[in-house]
Amino acid sequence: MARSCKLLTAAFLLLAACAAPPDTARFKVDFEKGVAAYEAGDYVTARKLWQPLADNYDLAALRNLGHLHRLGHGVEKNPKKARDYYEKAANFGHAPSQTNLALMYFAGDGITANSKKGMFWLKKAAAQGYPPAQQQLAIRSQRFELHSR
């Protein structure tokens, strides 16, 4: 019994070693094709190109799918799905996704407004040196100071 388990484990490891890693060069090309399609207004093609990348945890592709669902471009508008895509990338430290997620929480953009969560994500993005997050944080901190006087 133990020998068959060892053989099965060895076979699995051999198969895993033979599996091709994701082709990052192709991913980059597909991502850029998706950007071009998006800019041309072909949101369906953009989604088709970005979805496999997002399925492999390409953080920019996750964020872009969030945009499509938040805006209803090429898909039915679905703020909850948008939040989920942004959050998945945000949890991996993607500052642009953290910023988008923060702005959704501040605005209550199809989700329950939550300024505490918004500030949490905005501070995380700003701490990474992401300029849009730093600018938003400065603006929001200034507003808070003005209102708290």
C-alpha atoms as a PDB file:
ATOM      1  CA  MET A   1       0.000   0.000   0.000  1.00  0.00           C
ATOM      2  CA  ALA A   2       2.771   2.450   0.954  1.00  0.00           C
ATOM      3  CA  ARG A   3       4.674   1.609  -2.250  1.00  0.00           C
ATOM      4  CA  SER A   4       1.634   2.419  -4.427  1.00  0.00           C
ATOM      5  CA  CYS A   5       1.244   5.758  -2.637  1.00  0.00           C
ATOM      6  CA  LYS A   6       4.905   6.550  -3.296  1.00  0.00           C
ATOM      7  CA  LEU A   7       4.493   5.652  -6.976  1.00  0.00           C
ATOM      8  CA  LEU A   8       1.368   7.778  -7.237  1.00  0.00           C
ATOM      9  CA  THR A   9       3.133  10.701  -5.564  1.00  0.00           C
ATOM     10  CA  ALA A  10       6.138  10.322  -7.876  1.00  0.00           C
ATOM     11  CA  ALA A  11       3.869  10.225 -10.926  1.00  0.00           C
ATOM     12  CA  PHE A  12       2.034  13.337  -9.760  1.00  0.00           C
ATOM     13  CA  LEU A  13       5.314  15.203  -9.176  1.00  0.00           C
ATOM     14  CA  LEU A  14       6.556  14.190 -12.614  1.00  0.00           C
ATOM     15  CA  LEU A  15       3.363  15.468 -14.241  1.00  0.00           C
ATOM     16  CA  ALA A  16       3.557  18.713 -12.280  1.00  0.00           C
ATOM     17  CA  ALA A  17       7.181  19.200 -13.360  1.00  0.00           C
ATOM     18  CA  CYS A  18       6.200  18.712 -17.004  1.00  0.00           C
ATOM     19  CA  ALA A  19       3.341  21.208 -16.838  1.00  0.00           C
ATOM     20  CA  ALA A  20       4.224  24.363 -18.691  1.00  0.00           C
ATOM     21  CA  PRO A  21       4.291  27.528 -16.611  1.00  0.00           C
ATOM     22  CA  PRO A  22       2.077  30.357 -17.809  1.00  0.00           C
ATOM     23  CA  ASP A  23       3.561  32.031 -20.867  1.00  0.00           C
ATOM     24  CA  THR A  24       4.212  35.477 -19.437  1.00  0.00           C
ATOM     25  CA  ALA A  25       5.189  36.915 -22.817  1.00  0.00           C
ATOM     26  CA  ARG A  26       1.839  35.812 -24.257  1.00  0.00           C
ATOM     27  CA  PHE A  27       0.059  37.150 -21.170  1.00  0.00           C
ATOM     28  CA  LYS A  28       1.655  40.551 -21.743  1.00  0.00           C
ATOM     29  CA  VAL A  29       0.619  40.560 -25.397  1.00  0.00           C
ATOM     30  CA  ASP A  30      -2.936  39.503 -24.533  1.00  0.00           C
ATOM     31  CA  PHE A  31      -3.142  42.148 -21.812  1.00  0.00           C
ATOM     32  CA  GLU A  32      -2.065  44.870 -24.245  1.00  0.00           C
ATOM     33  CA  LYS A  33      -4.512  43.576 -26.875  1.00  0.00           C
ATOM     34  CA  GLY A  34      -7.199  43.827 -24.210  1.00  0.00           C
ATOM     35  CA  VAL A  35      -6.210  47.430 -23.486  1.00  0.00           C
ATOM     36  CA  ALA A  36      -6.373  48.267 -27.205  1.00  0.00           C
ATOM     37  CA  ALA A  37      -9.787  46.591 -27.490  1.00  0.00           C
ATOM     38  CA  TYR A  38     -11.031  48.477 -24.431  1.00  0.00           C
ATOM     39  CA  GLU A  39      -9.805  51.801 -25.800  1.00  0.00           C
ATOM     40  CA  ALA A  40     -11.558  51.014 -29.096  1.00  0.00           C
ATOM     41  CA  GLY A  41     -14.792  50.361 -27.217  1.00  0.00           C
ATOM     42  CA  ASP A  42     -14.710  46.605 -27.838  1.00  0.00           C
ATOM     43  CA  TYR A  43     -15.346  45.638 -24.231  1.00  0.00           C
ATOM     44  CA  VAL A  44     -16.402  42.071 -25.011  1.00  0.00           C
ATOM     45  CA  THR A  45     -13.039  41.334 -26.624  1.00  0.00           C
ATOM     46  CA  ALA A  46     -11.202  43.071 -23.779  1.00  0.00           C
ATOM     47  CA  ARG A  47     -12.984  40.843 -21.268  1.00  0.00           C
ATOM     48  CA  LYS A  48     -12.242  37.708 -23.289  1.00  0.00           C
ATOM     49  CA  LEU A  49      -8.550  38.604 -23.339  1.00  0.00           C
ATOM     50  CA  TRP A  50      -8.324  39.617 -19.677  1.00  0.00           C
ATOM     51  CA  GLN A  51     -10.392  36.805 -18.131  1.00  0.00           C
ATOM     52  CA  PRO A  52      -7.758  34.053 -18.554  1.00  0.00           C
ATOM     53  CA  LEU A  53      -5.138  36.400 -17.176  1.00  0.00           C
ATOM     54  CA  ALA A  54      -7.310  37.222 -14.167  1.00  0.00           C
ATOM     55  CA  ASP A  55      -7.957  33.511 -13.656  1.00  0.00           C
ATOM     56  CA  ASN A  56      -4.176  33.198 -13.286  1.00  0.00           C
ATOM     57  CA  TYR A  57      -4.074  36.092 -10.794  1.00  0.00           C
ATOM     58  CA  ASP A  58      -2.765  38.809 -13.076  1.00  0.00           C
ATOM     59  CA  LEU A  59      -3.541  41.707 -10.747  1.00  0.00           C
ATOM     60  CA  ALA A  60      -3.957  44.352 -13.461  1.00  0.00           C
ATOM     61  CA  ALA A  61      -6.349  42.062 -15.353  1.00  0.00           C
ATOM     62  CA  LEU A  62      -8.350  41.527 -12.150  1.00  0.00           C
ATOM     63  CA  ARG A  63      -8.618  45.283 -11.713  1.00  0.00           C
ATOM     64  CA  ASN A  64      -9.637  45.789 -15.338  1.00  0.00           C
ATOM     65  CA  LEU A  65     -12.387  43.196 -15.023  1.00  0.00           C
ATOM     66  CA  GLY A  66     -13.502  45.134 -11.968  1.00  0.00           C
ATOM     67  CA  HIS A  67     -13.771  48.237 -14.160  1.00  0.00           C
ATOM     68  CA  LEU A  68     -15.860  46.382 -16.744  1.00  0.00           C
ATOM     69  CA  HIS A  69     -18.313  45.164 -14.106  1.00  0.00           C
ATOM     70  CA  ARG A  70     -18.442  48.500 -12.261  1.00  0.00           C
ATOM     71  CA  LEU A  71     -19.181  50.428 -15.467  1.00  0.00           C
ATOM     72  CA  GLY A  72     -21.227  47.749 -17.257  1.00  0.00           C
ATOM     73  CA  HIS A  73     -18.893  47.683 -20.245  1.00  0.00           C
ATOM     74  CA  GLY A  74     -19.307  44.460 -22.211  1.00  0.00           C
ATOM     75  CA  VAL A  75     -21.000  42.810 -19.236  1.00  0.00           C
ATOM     76  CA  GLU A  76     -24.050  43.502 -17.140  1.00  0.00           C
ATOM     77  CA  LYS A  77     -23.272  46.221 -14.610  1.00  0.00           C
ATOM     78  CA  ASN A  78     -22.515  44.471 -11.330  1.00  0.00           C
ATOM     79  CA  PRO A  79     -20.886  46.547  -8.573  1.00  0.00           C
ATOM     80  CA  LYS A  80     -20.594  43.540  -6.263  1.00  0.00           C
ATOM     81  CA  LYS A  81     -18.577  41.617  -8.863  1.00  0.00           C
ATOM     82  CA  ALA A  82     -16.506  44.741  -9.454  1.00  0.00           C
ATOM     83  CA  ARG A  83     -15.779  44.964  -5.736  1.00  0.00           C
ATOM     84  CA  ASP A  84     -14.846  41.267  -5.665  1.00  0.00           C
ATOM     85  CA  TYR A  85     -12.375  41.670  -8.547  1.00  0.00           C
ATOM     86  CA  TYR A  86     -10.851  44.795  -7.018  1.00  0.00           C
ATOM     87  CA  GLU A  87     -10.664  43.145  -3.617  1.00  0.00           C
ATOM     88  CA  LYS A  88      -8.969  40.025  -4.937  1.00  0.00           C
ATOM     89  CA  ALA A  89      -6.175  42.127  -6.463  1.00  0.00           C
ATOM     90  CA  ALA A  90      -6.129  44.520  -3.485  1.00  0.00           C
ATOM     91  CA  ASN A  91      -5.516  41.629  -1.106  1.00  0.00           C
ATOM     92  CA  PHE A  92      -2.378  40.827  -3.108  1.00  0.00           C
ATOM     93  CA  GLY A  93      -1.152  44.398  -2.638  1.00  0.00           C
ATOM     94  CA  HIS A  94      -2.145  45.907  -6.000  1.00  0.00           C
ATOM     95  CA  ALA A  95      -2.248  49.640  -5.206  1.00  0.00           C
ATOM     96  CA  PRO A  96      -4.472  50.670  -8.163  1.00  0.00           C
ATOM     97  CA  SER A  97      -7.056  48.056  -7.126  1.00  0.00           C
ATOM     98  CA  GLN A  98      -6.812  49.178  -3.514  1.00  0.00           C
ATOM     99  CA  THR A  99      -7.508  52.738  -4.660  1.00  0.00           C
ATOM    100  CA  ASN A 100     -10.472  51.719  -6.832  1.00  0.00           C
ATOM    101  CA  LEU A 101     -11.888  49.678  -3.981  1.00  0.00           C
ATOM    102  CA  ALA A 102     -11.462  52.606  -1.582  1.00  0.00           C
ATOM    103  CA  LEU A 103     -13.272  54.959  -3.952  1.00  0.00           C
ATOM    104  CA  MET A 104     -16.150  52.493  -4.323  1.00  0.00           C
ATOM    105  CA  TYR A 105     -16.496  52.359  -0.544  1.00  0.00           C
ATOM    106  CA  PHE A 106     -16.340  56.141  -0.168  1.00  0.00           C
ATOM    107  CA  ALA A 107     -18.972  56.704  -2.866  1.00  0.00           C
ATOM    108  CA  GLY A 108     -21.194  53.747  -2.026  1.00  0.00           C
ATOM    109  CA  ASP A 109     -20.857  52.948  -5.728  1.00  0.00           C
ATOM    110  CA  GLY A 110     -23.393  50.112  -5.917  1.00  0.00           C
ATOM    111  CA  ILE A 111     -22.208  48.755  -2.574  1.00  0.00           C
ATOM    112  CA  THR A 112     -22.822  49.899   0.966  1.00  0.00           C
ATOM    113  CA  ALA A 113     -20.802  53.036   1.645  1.00  0.00           C
ATOM    114  CA  ASN A 114     -18.169  52.471   4.288  1.00  0.00           C
ATOM    115  CA  SER A 115     -15.663  55.273   4.831  1.00  0.00           C
ATOM    116  CA  LYS A 116     -13.699  53.187   7.344  1.00  0.00           C
ATOM    117  CA  LYS A 117     -13.058  50.464   4.743  1.00  0.00           C
ATOM    118  CA  GLY A 118     -12.409  53.133   2.137  1.00  0.00           C
ATOM    119  CA  MET A 119      -9.769  54.763   4.303  1.00  0.00           C
ATOM    120  CA  PHE A 120      -8.223  51.373   5.096  1.00  0.00           C
ATOM    121  CA  TRP A 121      -7.652  50.587   1.408  1.00  0.00           C
ATOM    122  CA  LEU A 122      -6.638  54.116   0.503  1.00  0.00           C
ATOM    123  CA  LYS A 123      -3.957  54.163   3.208  1.00  0.00           C
ATOM    124  CA  LYS A 124      -2.622  50.801   2.022  1.00  0.00           C
ATOM    125  CA  ALA A 125      -2.296  52.091  -1.547  1.00  0.00           C
ATOM    126  CA  ALA A 126      -0.793  55.415  -0.461  1.00  0.00           C
ATOM    127  CA  ALA A 127       1.763  53.633   1.718  1.00  0.00           C
ATOM    128  CA  GLN A 128       3.064  51.955  -1.439  1.00  0.00           C
ATOM    129  CA  GLY A 129       3.736  55.348  -2.989  1.00  0.00           C
ATOM    130  CA  TYR A 130       0.861  55.161  -5.493  1.00  0.00           C
ATOM    131  CA  PRO A 131       0.338  58.850  -6.472  1.00  0.00           C
ATOM    132  CA  PRO A 132      -3.461  58.756  -7.073  1.00  0.00           C
ATOM    133  CA  ALA A 133      -3.937  57.189  -3.634  1.00  0.00           C
ATOM    134  CA  GLN A 134      -1.613  59.704  -2.018  1.00  0.00           C
ATOM    135  CA  GLN A 135      -3.540  62.564  -3.638  1.00  0.00           C
ATOM    136  CA  GLN A 136      -6.909  61.161  -2.553  1.00  0.00           C
ATOM    137  CA  LEU A 137      -5.617  60.580   0.957  1.00  0.00           C
ATOM    138  CA  ALA A 138      -4.356  64.162   1.182  1.00  0.00           C
ATOM    139  CA  ILE A 139      -7.696  65.505  -0.036  1.00  0.00           C
ATOM    140  CA  ARG A 140      -9.720  63.307   2.299  1.00  0.00           C
ATOM    141  CA  SER A 141      -7.462  64.055   5.270  1.00  0.00           C
ATOM    142  CA  GLN A 142      -7.786  67.774   4.584  1.00  0.00           C
ATOM    143  CA  ARG A 143     -11.580  67.495   4.387  1.00  0.00           C
ATOM    144  CA  PHE A 144     -11.607  65.636   7.665  1.00  0.00           C
ATOM    145  CA  GLU A 145      -9.479  68.315   9.332  1.00  0.00           C
ATOM    146  CA  LEU A 146     -11.739  71.084   8.026  1.00  0.00           C
ATOM    147  CA  HIS A 147     -14.879  69.344   9.247  1.00  0.00           C
ATOM    148  CA  SER A 148     -13.432  68.412  12.609  1.00  0.00           C
ATOM    149  CA  ARG A 149     -12.594  72.009  13.604  1.00  0.00           C
END
